[in-house]
Amino acid sequence: MNKTSKNKINRYWIRLLVSTTLTTILFFLLSYDTFIIADPFLFLFFIIGTIISIIFLINSIRQNIFHRNLPTIWILIIFIVLALSMPLNYMYRNGGFWGNKIIEGVFIDDRSRMDLTCFENGHYIIYSNWLFGAETFTGKYSLHGDTIEFNTYPVVDNDFVSKKIIWKGNKIYFTQDKSGNYDTTFYYFQIDFDKK
């Protein structure tokens, strides 16, 4: 293989690396709720970047087959690291390394939804989404009988969810009034919501 063909293959892979790097950065910005108000735009750019990266990947593989040669080893290593970082981060952010789920509950109102998941290793995730964005809150909890106590407060970015919440039957009550009584009329996580 001549040097011109090798340079051509490397150019295709460098384009792929640039698009994959930008897509990975967008993915991490979305994952860690960096610019919540801009989530819809970031998501759109992420989808466009993913499509462009897939096109570049197909072209790069096609050039490798046509010229019967691979790009330099460092280009392959960087691409593999970038490509693996997204699913591994997704698994980490969604409790993929935290063991079995003990509790899953959902709270839905007219304009938003909150999903609570508690894992056996003492970690929790609250995924909160609404019309213009979403946020993920993580931390540790402890279970004392029918009381779940979060180690950090506020649990979400305000006092909507109490530091201690009560689990009764298939509902988890999470909002207390000034007297310390839990609102059992509307503010609760429904356990096994999808099975109703």
C-alpha atoms as a PDB file:
ATOM      1  CA  MET A   1       0.000   0.000   0.000  1.00  0.00           C
ATOM      2  CA  ASN A   2       1.354   3.424  -0.917  1.00  0.00           C
ATOM      3  CA  LYS A   3       1.671   6.362   1.427  1.00  0.00           C
ATOM      4  CA  THR A   4      -1.142   8.321  -0.252  1.00  0.00           C
ATOM      5  CA  SER A   5      -3.659   5.515   0.373  1.00  0.00           C
ATOM      6  CA  LYS A   6      -2.538   5.218   4.011  1.00  0.00           C
ATOM      7  CA  ASN A   7      -2.952   8.988   4.502  1.00  0.00           C
ATOM      8  CA  LYS A   8      -6.407   8.812   2.925  1.00  0.00           C
ATOM      9  CA  ILE A   9      -7.469   6.061   5.369  1.00  0.00           C
ATOM     10  CA  ASN A  10      -6.108   8.056   8.307  1.00  0.00           C
ATOM     11  CA  ARG A  11      -7.997  11.184   7.125  1.00  0.00           C
ATOM     12  CA  TYR A  12     -11.276   9.231   7.138  1.00  0.00           C
ATOM     13  CA  TRP A  13     -10.565   7.959  10.653  1.00  0.00           C
ATOM     14  CA  ILE A  14      -9.522  11.403  11.917  1.00  0.00           C
ATOM     15  CA  ARG A  15     -12.876  12.806  10.697  1.00  0.00           C
ATOM     16  CA  LEU A  16     -14.546   9.949  12.555  1.00  0.00           C
ATOM     17  CA  LEU A  17     -12.534  10.756  15.715  1.00  0.00           C
ATOM     18  CA  VAL A  18     -13.475  14.438  15.580  1.00  0.00           C
ATOM     19  CA  SER A  19     -17.206  13.708  15.131  1.00  0.00           C
ATOM     20  CA  THR A  20     -17.121  10.990  17.829  1.00  0.00           C
ATOM     21  CA  THR A  21     -15.292  13.328  20.243  1.00  0.00           C
ATOM     22  CA  LEU A  22     -17.864  16.093  19.754  1.00  0.00           C
ATOM     23  CA  THR A  23     -20.730  13.599  20.119  1.00  0.00           C
ATOM     24  CA  THR A  24     -19.160  12.196  23.302  1.00  0.00           C
ATOM     25  CA  ILE A  25     -18.821  15.701  24.774  1.00  0.00           C
ATOM     26  CA  LEU A  26     -22.502  16.379  24.007  1.00  0.00           C
ATOM     27  CA  PHE A  27     -23.431  13.041  25.576  1.00  0.00           C
ATOM     28  CA  PHE A  28     -21.595  13.892  28.811  1.00  0.00           C
ATOM     29  CA  LEU A  29     -23.149  17.382  28.918  1.00  0.00           C
ATOM     30  CA  LEU A  30     -26.577  15.752  28.635  1.00  0.00           C
ATOM     31  CA  SER A  31     -25.758  13.013  31.149  1.00  0.00           C
ATOM     32  CA  TYR A  32     -24.601  15.356  33.879  1.00  0.00           C
ATOM     33  CA  ASP A  33     -27.346  17.979  33.414  1.00  0.00           C
ATOM     34  CA  THR A  34     -24.789  20.677  32.641  1.00  0.00           C
ATOM     35  CA  PHE A  35     -27.107  23.040  30.747  1.00  0.00           C
ATOM     36  CA  ILE A  36     -30.613  21.934  31.733  1.00  0.00           C
ATOM     37  CA  ILE A  37     -32.441  24.670  29.855  1.00  0.00           C
ATOM     38  CA  ALA A  38     -30.565  23.774  26.648  1.00  0.00           C
ATOM     39  CA  ASP A  39     -31.233  20.004  26.879  1.00  0.00           C
ATOM     40  CA  PRO A  40     -33.567  19.857  23.837  1.00  0.00           C
ATOM     41  CA  PHE A  41     -30.970  21.612  21.652  1.00  0.00           C
ATOM     42  CA  LEU A  42     -28.084  19.539  23.004  1.00  0.00           C
ATOM     43  CA  PHE A  43     -30.103  16.388  22.377  1.00  0.00           C
ATOM     44  CA  LEU A  44     -30.793  17.468  18.785  1.00  0.00           C
ATOM     45  CA  PHE A  45     -27.079  18.159  18.195  1.00  0.00           C
ATOM     46  CA  PHE A  46     -26.235  14.807  19.839  1.00  0.00           C
ATOM     47  CA  ILE A  47     -28.568  12.959  17.415  1.00  0.00           C
ATOM     48  CA  ILE A  48     -27.111  14.819  14.417  1.00  0.00           C
ATOM     49  CA  GLY A  49     -23.555  14.114  15.652  1.00  0.00           C
ATOM     50  CA  THR A  50     -24.381  10.422  16.134  1.00  0.00           C
ATOM     51  CA  ILE A  51     -25.731  10.146  12.580  1.00  0.00           C
ATOM     52  CA  ILE A  52     -22.650  11.910  11.178  1.00  0.00           C
ATOM     53  CA  SER A  53     -20.357   9.629  13.220  1.00  0.00           C
ATOM     54  CA  ILE A  54     -22.142   6.527  11.897  1.00  0.00           C
ATOM     55  CA  ILE A  55     -21.748   7.795   8.316  1.00  0.00           C
ATOM     56  CA  PHE A  56     -18.032   8.486   8.933  1.00  0.00           C
ATOM     57  CA  LEU A  57     -17.627   5.026  10.511  1.00  0.00           C
ATOM     58  CA  ILE A  58     -19.200   3.325   7.475  1.00  0.00           C
ATOM     59  CA  ASN A  59     -16.974   5.344   5.113  1.00  0.00           C
ATOM     60  CA  SER A  60     -13.868   4.555   7.172  1.00  0.00           C
ATOM     61  CA  ILE A  61     -14.591   0.823   7.206  1.00  0.00           C
ATOM     62  CA  ARG A  62     -15.336   0.916   3.480  1.00  0.00           C
ATOM     63  CA  GLN A  63     -11.968   2.577   2.814  1.00  0.00           C
ATOM     64  CA  ASN A  64     -10.203  -0.005   4.997  1.00  0.00           C
ATOM     65  CA  ILE A  65     -11.788  -2.848   3.030  1.00  0.00           C
ATOM     66  CA  PHE A  66     -11.073  -1.163  -0.319  1.00  0.00           C
ATOM     67  CA  HIS A  67      -7.407  -0.504   0.525  1.00  0.00           C
ATOM     68  CA  ARG A  68      -7.043  -3.626   2.710  1.00  0.00           C
ATOM     69  CA  ASN A  69      -5.335  -1.812   5.523  1.00  0.00           C
ATOM     70  CA  LEU A  70      -6.158  -0.459   8.992  1.00  0.00           C
ATOM     71  CA  PRO A  71      -5.494   3.034  10.340  1.00  0.00           C
ATOM     72  CA  THR A  72      -2.711   3.629  12.826  1.00  0.00           C
ATOM     73  CA  ILE A  73      -3.068   1.890  16.178  1.00  0.00           C
ATOM     74  CA  TRP A  74      -3.435   5.127  18.187  1.00  0.00           C
ATOM     75  CA  ILE A  75      -6.429   6.195  16.075  1.00  0.00           C
ATOM     76  CA  LEU A  76      -8.107   2.841  16.741  1.00  0.00           C
ATOM     77  CA  ILE A  77      -7.388   3.016  20.492  1.00  0.00           C
ATOM     78  CA  ILE A  78      -8.797   6.566  20.806  1.00  0.00           C
ATOM     79  CA  PHE A  79     -11.903   5.593  18.829  1.00  0.00           C
ATOM     80  CA  ILE A  80     -12.517   2.485  20.968  1.00  0.00           C
ATOM     81  CA  VAL A  81     -12.091   4.488  24.214  1.00  0.00           C
ATOM     82  CA  LEU A  82     -14.534   7.161  22.990  1.00  0.00           C
ATOM     83  CA  ALA A  83     -17.034   4.607  21.725  1.00  0.00           C
ATOM     84  CA  LEU A  84     -16.967   2.631  25.018  1.00  0.00           C
ATOM     85  CA  SER A  85     -17.136   5.711  27.265  1.00  0.00           C
ATOM     86  CA  MET A  86     -20.749   6.478  26.299  1.00  0.00           C
ATOM     87  CA  PRO A  87     -22.392   3.137  27.144  1.00  0.00           C
ATOM     88  CA  LEU A  88     -20.253   2.734  30.278  1.00  0.00           C
ATOM     89  CA  ASN A  89     -21.225   6.216  31.474  1.00  0.00           C
ATOM     90  CA  TYR A  90     -24.868   5.486  30.660  1.00  0.00           C
ATOM     91  CA  MET A  91     -24.712   2.303  32.753  1.00  0.00           C
ATOM     92  CA  TYR A  92     -23.036   4.177  35.621  1.00  0.00           C
ATOM     93  CA  ARG A  93     -25.559   7.056  35.564  1.00  0.00           C
ATOM     94  CA  ASN A  94     -28.492   4.615  35.525  1.00  0.00           C
ATOM     95  CA  GLY A  95     -27.287   2.292  38.283  1.00  0.00           C
ATOM     96  CA  GLY A  96     -25.881  -0.437  36.057  1.00  0.00           C
ATOM     97  CA  PHE A  97     -23.050  -1.073  38.548  1.00  0.00           C
ATOM     98  CA  TRP A  98     -25.142  -0.719  41.726  1.00  0.00           C
ATOM     99  CA  GLY A  99     -26.689  -4.188  41.892  1.00  0.00           C
ATOM    100  CA  ASN A 100     -30.339  -5.167  41.934  1.00  0.00           C
ATOM    101  CA  LYS A 101     -33.175  -2.683  42.187  1.00  0.00           C
ATOM    102  CA  ILE A 102     -35.076  -2.930  45.475  1.00  0.00           C
ATOM    103  CA  ILE A 103     -37.698  -0.240  44.926  1.00  0.00           C
ATOM    104  CA  GLU A 104     -38.981   1.468  41.794  1.00  0.00           C
ATOM    105  CA  GLY A 105     -41.641   4.160  42.077  1.00  0.00           C
ATOM    106  CA  VAL A 106     -43.150   6.812  39.806  1.00  0.00           C
ATOM    107  CA  PHE A 107     -44.781  10.168  40.560  1.00  0.00           C
ATOM    108  CA  ILE A 108     -46.661  11.851  37.691  1.00  0.00           C
ATOM    109  CA  ASP A 109     -48.434  15.178  37.674  1.00  0.00           C
ATOM    110  CA  ASP A 110     -49.802  17.266  34.800  1.00  0.00           C
ATOM    111  CA  ARG A 111     -46.467  18.630  33.605  1.00  0.00           C
ATOM    112  CA  SER A 112     -43.730  16.387  34.972  1.00  0.00           C
ATOM    113  CA  ARG A 113     -42.649  12.928  36.074  1.00  0.00           C
ATOM    114  CA  MET A 114     -40.231  11.681  38.736  1.00  0.00           C
ATOM    115  CA  ASP A 115     -38.869   8.137  38.856  1.00  0.00           C
ATOM    116  CA  LEU A 116     -37.273   6.843  42.062  1.00  0.00           C
ATOM    117  CA  THR A 117     -35.065   3.758  42.030  1.00  0.00           C
ATOM    118  CA  CYS A 118     -33.356   2.382  45.146  1.00  0.00           C
ATOM    119  CA  PHE A 119     -30.597  -0.210  44.744  1.00  0.00           C
ATOM    120  CA  GLU A 120     -29.447  -2.932  47.102  1.00  0.00           C
ATOM    121  CA  ASN A 121     -26.042  -1.294  47.680  1.00  0.00           C
ATOM    122  CA  GLY A 122     -27.664   1.797  49.268  1.00  0.00           C
ATOM    123  CA  HIS A 123     -27.633   4.105  46.236  1.00  0.00           C
ATOM    124  CA  TYR A 124     -30.683   5.808  44.763  1.00  0.00           C
ATOM    125  CA  ILE A 125     -31.503   7.625  41.529  1.00  0.00           C
ATOM    126  CA  ILE A 126     -34.285  10.139  41.063  1.00  0.00           C
ATOM    127  CA  TYR A 127     -34.869  10.964  37.418  1.00  0.00           C
ATOM    128  CA  SER A 128     -37.019  14.088  37.068  1.00  0.00           C
ATOM    129  CA  ASN A 129     -38.275  15.262  33.694  1.00  0.00           C
ATOM    130  CA  TRP A 130     -40.653  17.913  32.484  1.00  0.00           C
ATOM    131  CA  LEU A 131     -41.578  19.599  29.234  1.00  0.00           C
ATOM    132  CA  PHE A 132     -38.304  21.464  28.746  1.00  0.00           C
ATOM    133  CA  GLY A 133     -35.689  19.158  30.224  1.00  0.00           C
ATOM    134  CA  ALA A 134     -34.655  16.520  32.699  1.00  0.00           C
ATOM    135  CA  GLU A 135     -32.383  16.145  35.719  1.00  0.00           C
ATOM    136  CA  THR A 136     -30.860  13.169  37.489  1.00  0.00           C
ATOM    137  CA  PHE A 137     -30.227  13.160  41.244  1.00  0.00           C
ATOM    138  CA  THR A 138     -28.163  10.427  42.889  1.00  0.00           C
ATOM    139  CA  GLY A 139     -26.985   9.688  46.374  1.00  0.00           C
ATOM    140  CA  LYS A 140     -27.209   7.191  49.223  1.00  0.00           C
ATOM    141  CA  TYR A 141     -30.133   6.147  51.365  1.00  0.00           C
ATOM    142  CA  SER A 142     -30.803   3.934  54.371  1.00  0.00           C
ATOM    143  CA  LEU A 143     -33.916   1.873  55.023  1.00  0.00           C
ATOM    144  CA  HIS A 144     -35.336   1.710  58.574  1.00  0.00           C
ATOM    145  CA  GLY A 145     -38.533  -0.356  58.605  1.00  0.00           C
ATOM    146  CA  ASP A 146     -40.994   1.593  56.454  1.00  0.00           C
ATOM    147  CA  THR A 147     -38.834   4.760  56.392  1.00  0.00           C
ATOM    148  CA  ILE A 148     -36.368   5.586  53.659  1.00  0.00           C
ATOM    149  CA  GLU A 149     -33.862   8.246  54.732  1.00  0.00           C
ATOM    150  CA  PHE A 150     -31.723  10.042  52.183  1.00  0.00           C
ATOM    151  CA  ASN A 151     -28.167  10.943  53.238  1.00  0.00           C
ATOM    152  CA  THR A 152     -28.254  14.319  51.458  1.00  0.00           C
ATOM    153  CA  TYR A 153     -30.784  17.126  51.613  1.00  0.00           C
ATOM    154  CA  PRO A 154     -32.274  18.619  49.576  1.00  0.00           C
ATOM    155  CA  VAL A 155     -32.767  15.336  47.760  1.00  0.00           C
ATOM    156  CA  VAL A 156     -33.694  17.101  44.528  1.00  0.00           C
ATOM    157  CA  ASP A 157     -32.855  20.753  43.831  1.00  0.00           C
ATOM    158  CA  ASN A 158     -35.574  21.973  46.241  1.00  0.00           C
ATOM    159  CA  ASP A 159     -37.467  20.705  49.307  1.00  0.00           C
ATOM    160  CA  PHE A 160     -40.159  18.911  47.268  1.00  0.00           C
ATOM    161  CA  VAL A 161     -38.943  15.484  48.438  1.00  0.00           C
ATOM    162  CA  SER A 162     -38.442  15.169  52.219  1.00  0.00           C
ATOM    163  CA  LYS A 163     -35.238  13.808  53.749  1.00  0.00           C
ATOM    164  CA  LYS A 164     -37.296  10.944  55.212  1.00  0.00           C
ATOM    165  CA  ILE A 165     -40.044   9.325  53.170  1.00  0.00           C
ATOM    166  CA  ILE A 166     -42.548   6.643  54.192  1.00  0.00           C
ATOM    167  CA  TRP A 167     -43.205   3.390  52.311  1.00  0.00           C
ATOM    168  CA  LYS A 168     -46.724   1.979  52.841  1.00  0.00           C
ATOM    169  CA  GLY A 169     -48.054  -0.790  50.614  1.00  0.00           C
ATOM    170  CA  ASN A 170     -47.466   0.157  46.996  1.00  0.00           C
ATOM    171  CA  LYS A 171     -46.983   3.891  47.708  1.00  0.00           C
ATOM    172  CA  ILE A 172     -44.095   5.976  48.982  1.00  0.00           C
ATOM    173  CA  TYR A 173     -45.190   9.284  50.510  1.00  0.00           C
ATOM    174  CA  PHE A 174     -42.547  11.961  50.086  1.00  0.00           C
ATOM    175  CA  THR A 175     -43.968  15.385  50.993  1.00  0.00           C
ATOM    176  CA  GLN A 176     -44.455  16.593  54.565  1.00  0.00           C
ATOM    177  CA  ASP A 177     -46.383  19.615  55.779  1.00  0.00           C
ATOM    178  CA  LYS A 178     -45.073  21.966  58.497  1.00  0.00           C
ATOM    179  CA  SER A 179     -46.476  19.665  61.201  1.00  0.00           C
ATOM    180  CA  GLY A 180     -44.500  16.699  59.847  1.00  0.00           C
ATOM    181  CA  ASN A 181     -47.538  14.869  58.439  1.00  0.00           C
ATOM    182  CA  TYR A 182     -47.184  13.222  55.041  1.00  0.00           C
ATOM    183  CA  ASP A 183     -49.496  14.204  52.194  1.00  0.00           C
ATOM    184  CA  THR A 184     -51.229  10.930  51.245  1.00  0.00           C
ATOM    185  CA  THR A 185     -53.678  12.428  48.744  1.00  0.00           C
ATOM    186  CA  PHE A 186     -51.482  13.212  45.746  1.00  0.00           C
ATOM    187  CA  TYR A 187     -47.753  13.380  46.480  1.00  0.00           C
ATOM    188  CA  TYR A 188     -46.522   9.795  46.411  1.00  0.00           C
ATOM    189  CA  PHE A 189     -44.415   7.466  44.306  1.00  0.00           C
ATOM    190  CA  GLN A 190     -46.531   4.641  42.915  1.00  0.00           C
ATOM    191  CA  ILE A 191     -44.631   1.346  43.130  1.00  0.00           C
ATOM    192  CA  ASP A 192     -45.105  -1.078  40.201  1.00  0.00           C
ATOM    193  CA  PHE A 193     -46.624   1.768  38.209  1.00  0.00           C
ATOM    194  CA  ASP A 194     -46.070  -0.013  34.885  1.00  0.00           C
ATOM    195  CA  LYS A 195     -47.889  -3.130  36.134  1.00  0.00           C
ATOM    196  CA  LYS A 196     -51.120  -1.279  36.950  1.00  0.00           C
END
